[in-house]
């Protein structure tokens, strides 16, 4: 019965649980954010590669092989 009534370290336990919860949700969020950023980077890289295919060569002015004239 004494254990139930005493609240000496209850606030420390609550802060520890709250910290663990915040750390876990932050970790989950960071995983989602990093995946989204990697996907956005891949799409941007592909678009840049598609655009650079049509860029003329600065030395001889010839366009890339897969561009529309």
PDB file of N, CA and C in Angstrom:
ATOM      1  N   UNK A   1       0.813  -1.196   0.000  1.00  0.00           N
ATOM      2  CA  UNK A   1       0.000   0.000   0.000  1.00  0.00           C
ATOM      3  C   UNK A   1       0.857   1.260   0.000  1.00  0.00           C
ATOM      4  N   UNK A   2       1.991   1.189   0.642  1.00  0.00           N
ATOM      5  CA  UNK A   2       2.858   2.355   0.712  1.00  0.00           C
ATOM      6  C   UNK A   2       3.369   2.748  -0.678  1.00  0.00           C
ATOM      7  N   UNK A   3       3.630   1.752  -1.505  1.00  0.00           N
ATOM      8  CA  UNK A   3       4.147   2.002  -2.844  1.00  0.00           C
ATOM      9  C   UNK A   3       3.127   2.752  -3.706  1.00  0.00           C
ATOM     10  N   UNK A   4       1.870   2.476  -3.529  1.00  0.00           N
ATOM     11  CA  UNK A   4       0.822   3.114  -4.316  1.00  0.00           C
ATOM     12  C   UNK A   4       0.655   4.583  -3.913  1.00  0.00           C
ATOM     13  N   UNK A   5       0.790   4.883  -2.629  1.00  0.00           N
ATOM     14  CA  UNK A   5       0.557   6.246  -2.150  1.00  0.00           C
ATOM     15  C   UNK A   5       1.747   7.174  -2.359  1.00  0.00           C
ATOM     16  N   UNK A   6       2.935   6.649  -2.386  1.00  0.00           N
ATOM     17  CA  UNK A   6       4.106   7.510  -2.515  1.00  0.00           C
ATOM     18  C   UNK A   6       4.290   7.951  -3.970  1.00  0.00           C
ATOM     19  N   UNK A   7       4.535   9.226  -4.135  1.00  0.00           N
ATOM     20  CA  UNK A   7       4.712   9.788  -5.477  1.00  0.00           C
ATOM     21  C   UNK A   7       6.039  10.532  -5.582  1.00  0.00           C
ATOM     22  N   UNK A   8       7.041  10.077  -4.832  1.00  0.00           N
ATOM     23  CA  UNK A   8       8.321  10.780  -4.782  1.00  0.00           C
ATOM     24  C   UNK A   8       8.992  10.826  -6.158  1.00  0.00           C
ATOM     25  N   UNK A   9       9.063   9.734  -6.852  1.00  0.00           N
ATOM     26  CA  UNK A   9       9.762   9.688  -8.135  1.00  0.00           C
ATOM     27  C   UNK A   9       8.812   9.586  -9.322  1.00  0.00           C
ATOM     28  N   UNK A  10       7.549   9.828  -9.086  1.00  0.00           N
ATOM     29  CA  UNK A  10       6.569   9.684 -10.153  1.00  0.00           C
ATOM     30  C   UNK A  10       6.840  10.674 -11.283  1.00  0.00           C
ATOM     31  N   UNK A  11       7.187  11.908 -10.967  1.00  0.00           N
ATOM     32  CA  UNK A  11       7.436  12.886 -12.015  1.00  0.00           C
ATOM     33  C   UNK A  11       8.653  12.511 -12.846  1.00  0.00           C
ATOM     34  N   UNK A  12       9.681  11.923 -12.246  1.00  0.00           N
ATOM     35  CA  UNK A  12      10.850  11.485 -12.998  1.00  0.00           C
ATOM     36  C   UNK A  12      10.501  10.364 -13.968  1.00  0.00           C
ATOM     37  N   UNK A  13       9.656   9.458 -13.515  1.00  0.00           N
ATOM     38  CA  UNK A  13       9.233   8.358 -14.381  1.00  0.00           C
ATOM     39  C   UNK A  13       8.384   8.899 -15.533  1.00  0.00           C
ATOM     40  N   UNK A  14       7.514   9.850 -15.230  1.00  0.00           N
ATOM     41  CA  UNK A  14       6.693  10.445 -16.290  1.00  0.00           C
ATOM     42  C   UNK A  14       7.558  11.166 -17.316  1.00  0.00           C
ATOM     43  N   UNK A  15       8.560  11.906 -16.855  1.00  0.00           N
ATOM     44  CA  UNK A  15       9.459  12.589 -17.790  1.00  0.00           C
ATOM     45  C   UNK A  15      10.265  11.598 -18.617  1.00  0.00           C
ATOM     46  N   UNK A  16      10.682  10.508 -18.014  1.00  0.00           N
ATOM     47  CA  UNK A  16      11.423   9.489 -18.758  1.00  0.00           C
ATOM     48  C   UNK A  16      10.544   8.850 -19.832  1.00  0.00           C
ATOM     49  N   UNK A  17       9.303   8.545 -19.490  1.00  0.00           N
ATOM     50  CA  UNK A  17       8.382   7.971 -20.478  1.00  0.00           C
ATOM     51  C   UNK A  17       8.060   8.971 -21.581  1.00  0.00           C
ATOM     52  N   UNK A  18       7.876  10.228 -21.217  1.00  0.00           N
ATOM     53  CA  UNK A  18       7.609  11.249 -22.216  1.00  0.00           C
ATOM     54  C   UNK A  18       8.807  11.435 -23.150  1.00  0.00           C
ATOM     55  N   UNK A  19      10.004  11.423 -22.589  1.00  0.00           N
ATOM     56  CA  UNK A  19      11.217  11.549 -23.402  1.00  0.00           C
ATOM     57  C   UNK A  19      11.354  10.363 -24.350  1.00  0.00           C
ATOM     58  N   UNK A  20      11.077   9.166 -23.867  1.00  0.00           N
ATOM     59  CA  UNK A  20      11.149   7.982 -24.722  1.00  0.00           C
ATOM     60  C   UNK A  20      10.120   8.064 -25.851  1.00  0.00           C
ATOM     61  N   UNK A  21       8.930   8.540 -25.540  1.00  0.00           N
ATOM     62  CA  UNK A  21       7.895   8.679 -26.560  1.00  0.00           C
ATOM     63  C   UNK A  21       8.299   9.700 -27.621  1.00  0.00           C
ATOM     64  N   UNK A  22       8.799  10.845 -27.189  1.00  0.00           N
ATOM     65  CA  UNK A  22       9.224  11.884 -28.135  1.00  0.00           C
ATOM     66  C   UNK A  22      10.378  11.377 -28.996  1.00  0.00           C
ATOM     67  N   UNK A  23      11.334  10.677 -28.390  1.00  0.00           N
ATOM     68  CA  UNK A  23      12.465  10.146 -29.152  1.00  0.00           C
ATOM     69  C   UNK A  23      11.991   9.124 -30.186  1.00  0.00           C
ATOM     70  N   UNK A  24      11.088   8.248 -29.817  1.00  0.00           N
ATOM     71  CA  UNK A  24      10.600   7.224 -30.730  1.00  0.00           C
ATOM     72  C   UNK A  24       9.820   7.831 -31.887  1.00  0.00           C
ATOM     73  N   UNK A  25       8.932   8.780 -31.592  1.00  0.00           N
ATOM     74  CA  UNK A  25       8.162   9.400 -32.671  1.00  0.00           C
ATOM     75  C   UNK A  25       9.060  10.251 -33.570  1.00  0.00           C
ATOM     76  N   UNK A  26      10.083  10.868 -33.001  1.00  0.00           N
ATOM     77  CA  UNK A  26      11.034  11.622 -33.823  1.00  0.00           C
ATOM     78  C   UNK A  26      11.790  10.693 -34.755  1.00  0.00           C
ATOM     79  N   UNK A  27      12.183   9.550 -34.246  1.00  0.00           N
ATOM     80  CA  UNK A  27      12.898   8.569 -35.073  1.00  0.00           C
ATOM     81  C   UNK A  27      12.012   8.085 -36.219  1.00  0.00           C
ATOM     82  N   UNK A  28      10.755   7.788 -35.927  1.00  0.00           N
ATOM     83  CA  UNK A  28       9.834   7.350 -36.979  1.00  0.00           C
ATOM     84  C   UNK A  28       9.625   8.452 -38.012  1.00  0.00           C
ATOM     85  N   UNK A  29       9.458   9.670 -37.547  1.00  0.00           N
ATOM     86  CA  UNK A  29       9.260  10.789 -38.460  1.00  0.00           C
ATOM     87  C   UNK A  29      10.487  10.998 -39.332  1.00  0.00           C
ATOM     88  N   UNK A  30      11.669  10.894 -38.744  1.00  0.00           N
ATOM     89  CA  UNK A  30      12.891  11.111 -39.507  1.00  0.00           C
ATOM     90  C   UNK A  30      13.033  10.056 -40.597  1.00  0.00           C
ATOM     91  N   UNK A  31      12.649   8.820 -40.302  1.00  0.00           N
ATOM     92  CA  UNK A  31      12.692   7.779 -41.330  1.00  0.00           C
ATOM     93  C   UNK A  31      11.779   8.124 -42.495  1.00  0.00           C
ATOM     94  N   UNK A  32      10.587   8.608 -42.210  1.00  0.00           N
ATOM     95  CA  UNK A  32       9.652   8.988 -43.266  1.00  0.00           C
ATOM     96  C   UNK A  32      10.175  10.186 -44.061  1.00  0.00           C
ATOM     97  N   UNK A  33      10.720  11.171 -43.354  1.00  0.00           N
ATOM     98  CA  UNK A  33      11.233  12.370 -44.028  1.00  0.00           C
ATOM     99  C   UNK A  33      12.418  12.016 -44.917  1.00  0.00           C
ATOM    100  N   UNK A  34      13.322  11.185 -44.421  1.00  0.00           N
ATOM    101  CA  UNK A  34      14.502  10.840 -45.227  1.00  0.00           C
ATOM    102  C   UNK A  34      14.108  10.046 -46.473  1.00  0.00           C
ATOM    103  N   UNK A  35      13.100   9.191 -46.364  1.00  0.00           N
ATOM    104  CA  UNK A  35      12.620   8.453 -47.532  1.00  0.00           C
ATOM    105  C   UNK A  35      11.994   9.405 -48.545  1.00  0.00           C
ATOM    106  N   UNK A  36      11.203  10.352 -48.072  1.00  0.00           N
ATOM    107  CA  UNK A  36      10.574  11.320 -48.976  1.00  0.00           C
ATOM    108  C   UNK A  36      11.624  12.188 -49.660  1.00  0.00           C
ATOM    109  N   UNK A  37      12.642  12.603 -48.920  1.00  0.00           N
ATOM    110  CA  UNK A  37      13.703  13.415 -49.521  1.00  0.00           C
ATOM    111  C   UNK A  37      14.498  12.620 -50.556  1.00  0.00           C
ATOM    112  N   UNK A  38      14.756  11.361 -50.282  1.00  0.00           N
ATOM    113  CA  UNK A  38      15.477  10.529 -51.243  1.00  0.00           C
ATOM    114  C   UNK A  38      14.666  10.361 -52.525  1.00  0.00           C
ATOM    115  N   UNK A  39      13.359  10.163 -52.390  1.00  0.00           N
ATOM    116  CA  UNK A  39      12.500  10.034 -53.574  1.00  0.00           C
ATOM    117  C   UNK A  39      12.454  11.343 -54.363  1.00  0.00           C
ATOM    118  N   UNK A  40      12.344  12.464 -53.674  1.00  0.00           N
ATOM    119  CA  UNK A  40      12.320  13.757 -54.357  1.00  0.00           C
ATOM    120  C   UNK A  40      13.643  14.009 -55.069  1.00  0.00           C
ATOM    121  N   UNK A  41      14.741  13.624 -54.443  1.00  0.00           N
ATOM    122  CA  UNK A  41      16.045  13.792 -55.065  1.00  0.00           C
ATOM    123  C   UNK A  41      16.172  12.938 -56.324  1.00  0.00           C
ATOM    124  N   UNK A  42      15.666  11.716 -56.280  1.00  0.00           N
ATOM    125  CA  UNK A  42      15.733  10.836 -57.451  1.00  0.00           C
ATOM    126  C   UNK A  42      14.920  11.405 -58.612  1.00  0.00           C
ATOM    127  N   UNK A  43      13.743  11.932 -58.312  1.00  0.00           N
ATOM    128  CA  UNK A  43      12.903  12.521 -59.361  1.00  0.00           C
ATOM    129  C   UNK A  43      13.586  13.748 -59.953  1.00  0.00           C
ATOM    130  N   UNK A  44      14.136  14.595 -59.099  1.00  0.00           N
ATOM    131  CA  UNK A  44      14.826  15.799 -59.574  1.00  0.00           C
ATOM    132  C   UNK A  44      16.038  15.435 -60.413  1.00  0.00           C
ATOM    133  N   UNK A  45      16.780  14.428 -59.971  1.00  0.00           N
ATOM    134  CA  UNK A  45      17.955  14.002 -60.729  1.00  0.00           C
ATOM    135  C   UNK A  45      17.566  13.481 -62.113  1.00  0.00           C
ATOM    136  N   UNK A  46      16.486  12.723 -62.175  1.00  0.00           N
ATOM    137  CA  UNK A  46      16.027  12.202 -63.469  1.00  0.00           C
ATOM    138  C   UNK A  46      15.594  13.337 -64.391  1.00  0.00           C
ATOM    139  N   UNK A  47      14.882  14.304 -63.840  1.00  0.00           N
ATOM    140  CA  UNK A  47      14.446  15.447 -64.654  1.00  0.00           C
ATOM    141  C   UNK A  47      15.633  16.259 -65.153  1.00  0.00           C
ATOM    142  N   UNK A  48      16.633  16.447 -64.297  1.00  0.00           N
ATOM    143  CA  UNK A  48      17.830  17.180 -64.716  1.00  0.00           C
ATOM    144  C   UNK A  48      18.577  16.420 -65.810  1.00  0.00           C
ATOM    145  N   UNK A  49      18.652  15.100 -65.680  1.00  0.00           N
ATOM    146  CA  UNK A  49      19.296  14.299 -66.722  1.00  0.00           C
ATOM    147  C   UNK A  49      18.533  14.394 -68.038  1.00  0.00           C
ATOM    148  N   UNK A  50      17.199  14.383 -67.952  1.00  0.00           N
ATOM    149  CA  UNK A  50      16.396  14.525 -69.169  1.00  0.00           C
ATOM    150  C   UNK A  50      16.633  15.873 -69.827  1.00  0.00           C
ATOM    151  N   UNK A  51      16.732  16.919 -69.038  1.00  0.00           N
ATOM    152  CA  UNK A  51      16.969  18.252 -69.594  1.00  0.00           C
ATOM    153  C   UNK A  51      18.375  18.390 -70.155  1.00  0.00           C
ATOM    154  N   UNK A  52      19.346  17.807 -69.493  1.00  0.00           N
ATOM    155  CA  UNK A  52      20.726  17.987 -69.947  1.00  0.00           C
ATOM    156  C   UNK A  52      21.008  17.204 -71.221  1.00  0.00           C
ATOM    157  N   UNK A  53      20.179  16.212 -71.523  1.00  0.00           N
ATOM    158  CA  UNK A  53      20.340  15.491 -72.782  1.00  0.00           C
ATOM    159  C   UNK A  53      20.146  16.405 -73.977  1.00  0.00           C
ATOM    160  N   UNK A  54      19.325  17.429 -73.822  1.00  0.00           N
ATOM    161  CA  UNK A  54      19.016  18.329 -74.928  1.00  0.00           C
ATOM    162  C   UNK A  54      19.903  19.569 -74.953  1.00  0.00           C
ATOM    163  N   UNK A  55      20.807  19.693 -74.019  1.00  0.00           N
ATOM    164  CA  UNK A  55      21.686  20.860 -73.977  1.00  0.00           C
ATOM    165  C   UNK A  55      22.754  20.730 -75.058  1.00  0.00           C
ATOM    166  N   UNK A  56      22.945  21.766 -75.848  1.00  0.00           N
ATOM    167  CA  UNK A  56      23.975  21.686 -76.886  1.00  0.00           C
ATOM    168  C   UNK A  56      25.377  21.594 -76.279  1.00  0.00           C
ATOM    169  N   UNK A  57      26.245  20.917 -76.986  1.00  0.00           N
ATOM    170  CA  UNK A  57      27.639  20.838 -76.582  1.00  0.00           C
ATOM    171  C   UNK A  57      28.258  22.218 -76.782  1.00  0.00           C
ATOM    172  N   UNK A  58      28.881  22.813 -75.750  1.00  0.00           N
ATOM    173  CA  UNK A  58      29.418  24.159 -75.911  1.00  0.00           C
ATOM    174  C   UNK A  58      30.590  24.233 -76.884  1.00  0.00           C
ATOM    175  N   UNK A  59      31.222  23.113 -77.193  1.00  0.00           N
ATOM    176  CA  UNK A  59      32.380  23.136 -78.091  1.00  0.00           C
ATOM    177  C   UNK A  59      31.941  23.157 -79.549  1.00  0.00           C
ATOM    178  N   UNK A  60      31.032  22.258 -79.919  1.00  0.00           N
ATOM    179  CA  UNK A  60      30.647  22.193 -81.328  1.00  0.00           C
ATOM    180  C   UNK A  60      29.168  22.503 -81.578  1.00  0.00           C
ATOM    181  N   UNK A  61      28.375  22.760 -80.546  1.00  0.00           N
ATOM    182  CA  UNK A  61      26.974  23.139 -80.713  1.00  0.00           C
ATOM    183  C   UNK A  61      26.047  21.996 -81.049  1.00  0.00           C
ATOM    184  N   UNK A  62      26.537  20.764 -81.082  1.00  0.00           N
ATOM    185  CA  UNK A  62      25.722  19.613 -81.422  1.00  0.00           C
ATOM    186  C   UNK A  62      24.894  19.220 -80.197  1.00  0.00           C
ATOM    187  N   UNK A  63      23.616  18.966 -80.444  1.00  0.00           N
ATOM    188  CA  UNK A  63      22.725  18.548 -79.346  1.00  0.00           C
ATOM    189  C   UNK A  63      22.931  17.084 -79.048  1.00  0.00           C
ATOM    190  N   UNK A  64      22.405  16.678 -77.883  1.00  0.00           N
ATOM    191  CA  UNK A  64      22.473  15.268 -77.491  1.00  0.00           C
ATOM    192  C   UNK A  64      21.731  14.394 -78.457  1.00  0.00           C
ATOM    193  N   UNK A  65      21.960  13.106 -78.412  1.00  0.00           N
ATOM    194  CA  UNK A  65      21.432  12.182 -79.403  1.00  0.00           C
ATOM    195  C   UNK A  65      19.940  11.947 -79.331  1.00  0.00           C
ATOM    196  N   UNK A  66      19.268  12.202 -78.198  1.00  0.00           N
ATOM    197  CA  UNK A  66      17.852  11.854 -78.075  1.00  0.00           C
ATOM    198  C   UNK A  66      16.942  13.069 -78.011  1.00  0.00           C
ATOM    199  N   UNK A  67      17.355  14.185 -78.568  1.00  0.00           N
ATOM    200  CA  UNK A  67      16.558  15.408 -78.511  1.00  0.00           C
ATOM    201  C   UNK A  67      15.798  15.617 -79.802  1.00  0.00           C
ATOM    202  N   UNK A  68      14.685  16.294 -79.686  1.00  0.00           N
ATOM    203  CA  UNK A  68      13.916  16.715 -80.868  1.00  0.00           C
ATOM    204  C   UNK A  68      14.608  17.920 -81.474  1.00  0.00           C
ATOM    205  N   UNK A  69      14.725  17.981 -82.797  1.00  0.00           N
ATOM    206  CA  UNK A  69      15.388  19.148 -83.427  1.00  0.00           C
ATOM    207  C   UNK A  69      14.548  20.409 -83.342  1.00  0.00           C
TER     208      UNK A  69
END
